[in-house]
Amino acid sequence: MIRMPISEVADRYTIALLKQKNTDEDMSKEIDTYQDELRSYPDIESYIVRLLEVNSKIWKLEASLRAGKENEMMYAVIAETAIAIRNTNRERVAIKNEMVEKYGEGFKDIKINHVSQ
């Protein structure tokens, strides 16, 4: 089994927190497991706060797309929202890359010839 780098643990933790808050799904076991792992990393709190903020933005943007019906939404609105998701995901990747550099775990996510570059 491959151990998950702390950048992935932190990202998944913040997404689990959002699922717990915004759905009926019980994420408490998963959240507890991630918290146990996160406790052993110094200065992790600032990364958690930043990832939670950026993943919240992505969650809200995607929710706005899910709430609208494609034939009722103007394509310009869909395109603007998709671009906003891409740009916000770029912020998310940058935070995770900072964590890879700080803690020396995992690999940086580097986009080459990719639309989110």
C-alpha atoms as a PDB file:
ATOM      1  CA  MET A   1       0.000   0.000   0.000  1.00  0.00           C
ATOM      2  CA  ILE A   2       1.293   3.465  -0.905  1.00  0.00           C
ATOM      3  CA  ARG A   3       1.122   6.012   1.898  1.00  0.00           C
ATOM      4  CA  MET A   4      -0.815   9.139   0.969  1.00  0.00           C
ATOM      5  CA  PRO A   5       1.245  12.387   1.049  1.00  0.00           C
ATOM      6  CA  ILE A   6       0.133  14.965   3.599  1.00  0.00           C
ATOM      7  CA  SER A   7      -0.949  17.357   0.825  1.00  0.00           C
ATOM      8  CA  GLU A   8      -3.525  14.760  -0.291  1.00  0.00           C
ATOM      9  CA  VAL A   9      -4.603  14.007   3.274  1.00  0.00           C
ATOM     10  CA  ALA A  10      -5.171  17.719   3.940  1.00  0.00           C
ATOM     11  CA  ASP A  11      -7.090  18.184   0.681  1.00  0.00           C
ATOM     12  CA  ARG A  12      -9.301  15.164   1.294  1.00  0.00           C
ATOM     13  CA  TYR A  13      -9.843  16.257   4.898  1.00  0.00           C
ATOM     14  CA  THR A  14     -11.189  19.649   3.827  1.00  0.00           C
ATOM     15  CA  ILE A  15     -13.432  18.032   1.215  1.00  0.00           C
ATOM     16  CA  ALA A  16     -14.751  15.616   3.862  1.00  0.00           C
ATOM     17  CA  LEU A  17     -15.517  18.613   6.106  1.00  0.00           C
ATOM     18  CA  LEU A  18     -17.477  20.205   3.258  1.00  0.00           C
ATOM     19  CA  LYS A  19     -19.393  16.973   2.602  1.00  0.00           C
ATOM     20  CA  GLN A  20     -20.227  16.716   6.312  1.00  0.00           C
ATOM     21  CA  LYS A  21     -21.495  20.299   6.318  1.00  0.00           C
ATOM     22  CA  ASN A  22     -23.352  20.305   2.990  1.00  0.00           C
ATOM     23  CA  THR A  23     -24.810  16.808   2.666  1.00  0.00           C
ATOM     24  CA  ASP A  24     -26.555  14.200   4.781  1.00  0.00           C
ATOM     25  CA  GLU A  25     -23.524  11.926   4.540  1.00  0.00           C
ATOM     26  CA  ASP A  26     -21.806  11.038   7.826  1.00  0.00           C
ATOM     27  CA  MET A  27     -18.131  11.761   7.272  1.00  0.00           C
ATOM     28  CA  SER A  28     -17.086  11.613  10.940  1.00  0.00           C
ATOM     29  CA  LYS A  29     -14.995   8.432  10.688  1.00  0.00           C
ATOM     30  CA  GLU A  30     -13.104   9.727   7.656  1.00  0.00           C
ATOM     31  CA  ILE A  31     -12.627  13.147   9.275  1.00  0.00           C
ATOM     32  CA  ASP A  32     -11.264  11.543  12.469  1.00  0.00           C
ATOM     33  CA  THR A  33      -8.827   9.410  10.453  1.00  0.00           C
ATOM     34  CA  TYR A  34      -7.510  12.431   8.566  1.00  0.00           C
ATOM     35  CA  GLN A  35      -7.246  14.484  11.772  1.00  0.00           C
ATOM     36  CA  ASP A  36      -5.132  11.772  13.389  1.00  0.00           C
ATOM     37  CA  GLU A  37      -2.673  11.969  10.495  1.00  0.00           C
ATOM     38  CA  LEU A  38      -2.659  15.765  10.314  1.00  0.00           C
ATOM     39  CA  ARG A  39      -1.808  16.196  14.017  1.00  0.00           C
ATOM     40  CA  SER A  40       1.755  15.019  13.505  1.00  0.00           C
ATOM     41  CA  TYR A  41       2.643  17.828  11.068  1.00  0.00           C
ATOM     42  CA  PRO A  42       3.894  21.178  12.360  1.00  0.00           C
ATOM     43  CA  ASP A  43       2.329  24.351  10.997  1.00  0.00           C
ATOM     44  CA  ILE A  44      -0.365  22.414   9.131  1.00  0.00           C
ATOM     45  CA  GLU A  45      -3.239  24.655  10.281  1.00  0.00           C
ATOM     46  CA  SER A  46      -2.566  27.469   7.816  1.00  0.00           C
ATOM     47  CA  TYR A  47      -2.643  25.003   4.904  1.00  0.00           C
ATOM     48  CA  ILE A  48      -5.915  23.515   6.178  1.00  0.00           C
ATOM     49  CA  VAL A  49      -7.512  26.966   6.401  1.00  0.00           C
ATOM     50  CA  ARG A  50      -6.381  27.860   2.884  1.00  0.00           C
ATOM     51  CA  LEU A  51      -7.460  24.516   1.386  1.00  0.00           C
ATOM     52  CA  LEU A  52     -10.829  24.728   3.115  1.00  0.00           C
ATOM     53  CA  GLU A  53     -11.342  28.207   1.682  1.00  0.00           C
ATOM     54  CA  VAL A  54     -10.398  27.240  -1.868  1.00  0.00           C
ATOM     55  CA  ASN A  55     -12.334  23.951  -1.788  1.00  0.00           C
ATOM     56  CA  SER A  56     -15.374  25.856  -0.457  1.00  0.00           C
ATOM     57  CA  LYS A  57     -15.175  28.161  -3.476  1.00  0.00           C
ATOM     58  CA  ILE A  58     -14.998  25.182  -5.824  1.00  0.00           C
ATOM     59  CA  TRP A  59     -17.884  23.481  -3.986  1.00  0.00           C
ATOM     60  CA  LYS A  60     -20.090  26.580  -4.373  1.00  0.00           C
ATOM     61  CA  LEU A  61     -19.200  27.044  -8.027  1.00  0.00           C
ATOM     62  CA  GLU A  62     -19.954  23.418  -8.844  1.00  0.00           C
ATOM     63  CA  ALA A  63     -23.184  23.608  -6.831  1.00  0.00           C
ATOM     64  CA  SER A  64     -24.294  26.563  -8.939  1.00  0.00           C
ATOM     65  CA  LEU A  65     -23.787  24.464 -12.074  1.00  0.00           C
ATOM     66  CA  ARG A  66     -25.666  21.502 -10.589  1.00  0.00           C
ATOM     67  CA  ALA A  67     -28.546  23.740  -9.494  1.00  0.00           C
ATOM     68  CA  GLY A  68     -29.063  25.181 -12.971  1.00  0.00           C
ATOM     69  CA  LYS A  69     -30.455  23.255 -15.860  1.00  0.00           C
ATOM     70  CA  GLU A  70     -28.274  23.397 -18.941  1.00  0.00           C
ATOM     71  CA  ASN A  71     -31.099  24.378 -21.258  1.00  0.00           C
ATOM     72  CA  GLU A  72     -32.144  27.153 -18.848  1.00  0.00           C
ATOM     73  CA  MET A  73     -28.643  28.501 -18.173  1.00  0.00           C
ATOM     74  CA  MET A  74     -26.975  30.686 -20.716  1.00  0.00           C
ATOM     75  CA  TYR A  75     -23.838  29.104 -22.125  1.00  0.00           C
ATOM     76  CA  ALA A  76     -21.888  32.226 -21.183  1.00  0.00           C
ATOM     77  CA  VAL A  77     -22.761  31.643 -17.508  1.00  0.00           C
ATOM     78  CA  ILE A  78     -21.742  27.987 -17.769  1.00  0.00           C
ATOM     79  CA  ALA A  79     -18.456  28.987 -19.421  1.00  0.00           C
ATOM     80  CA  GLU A  80     -17.717  31.692 -16.826  1.00  0.00           C
ATOM     81  CA  THR A  81     -18.378  29.247 -13.999  1.00  0.00           C
ATOM     82  CA  ALA A  82     -16.192  26.568 -15.592  1.00  0.00           C
ATOM     83  CA  ILE A  83     -13.356  29.072 -15.963  1.00  0.00           C
ATOM     84  CA  ALA A  84     -13.784  30.158 -12.340  1.00  0.00           C
ATOM     85  CA  ILE A  85     -13.587  26.507 -11.234  1.00  0.00           C
ATOM     86  CA  ARG A  86     -10.424  26.020 -13.293  1.00  0.00           C
ATOM     87  CA  ASN A  87      -8.811  29.147 -11.860  1.00  0.00           C
ATOM     88  CA  THR A  88      -9.757  28.247  -8.301  1.00  0.00           C
ATOM     89  CA  ASN A  89      -8.425  24.732  -8.807  1.00  0.00           C
ATOM     90  CA  ARG A  90      -5.150  26.331  -9.882  1.00  0.00           C
ATOM     91  CA  GLU A  91      -5.016  27.968  -6.411  1.00  0.00           C
ATOM     92  CA  ARG A  92      -5.737  24.579  -4.809  1.00  0.00           C
ATOM     93  CA  VAL A  93      -2.893  22.912  -6.718  1.00  0.00           C
ATOM     94  CA  ALA A  94      -0.510  25.723  -5.725  1.00  0.00           C
ATOM     95  CA  ILE A  95      -1.303  25.199  -2.024  1.00  0.00           C
ATOM     96  CA  LYS A  96      -0.784  21.451  -2.334  1.00  0.00           C
ATOM     97  CA  ASN A  97       2.517  22.048  -4.165  1.00  0.00           C
ATOM     98  CA  GLU A  98       3.657  24.311  -1.307  1.00  0.00           C
ATOM     99  CA  MET A  99       2.929  21.445   1.074  1.00  0.00           C
ATOM    100  CA  VAL A 100       4.925  18.995  -1.047  1.00  0.00           C
ATOM    101  CA  GLU A 101       7.865  21.375  -0.905  1.00  0.00           C
ATOM    102  CA  LYS A 102       7.566  22.089   2.846  1.00  0.00           C
ATOM    103  CA  TYR A 103       7.059  18.520   4.054  1.00  0.00           C
ATOM    104  CA  GLY A 104       9.022  16.685   1.343  1.00  0.00           C
ATOM    105  CA  GLU A 105       6.235  14.196   0.617  1.00  0.00           C
ATOM    106  CA  GLY A 106       4.624  13.328  -2.684  1.00  0.00           C
ATOM    107  CA  PHE A 107       5.097  15.020  -6.010  1.00  0.00           C
ATOM    108  CA  LYS A 108       4.256  18.479  -7.260  1.00  0.00           C
ATOM    109  CA  ASP A 109       1.346  18.724  -9.645  1.00  0.00           C
ATOM    110  CA  ILE A 110       2.781  20.475 -12.706  1.00  0.00           C
ATOM    111  CA  LYS A 111       0.531  21.033 -15.693  1.00  0.00           C
ATOM    112  CA  ILE A 112       2.166  21.073 -19.121  1.00  0.00           C
ATOM    113  CA  ASN A 113       0.124  21.869 -22.222  1.00  0.00           C
ATOM    114  CA  HIS A 114      -2.996  21.717 -20.058  1.00  0.00           C
ATOM    115  CA  VAL A 115      -5.937  24.096 -20.101  1.00  0.00           C
ATOM    116  CA  SER A 116      -5.461  24.854 -16.389  1.00  0.00           C
ATOM    117  CA  GLN A 117      -1.812  25.810 -16.901  1.00  0.00           C
END
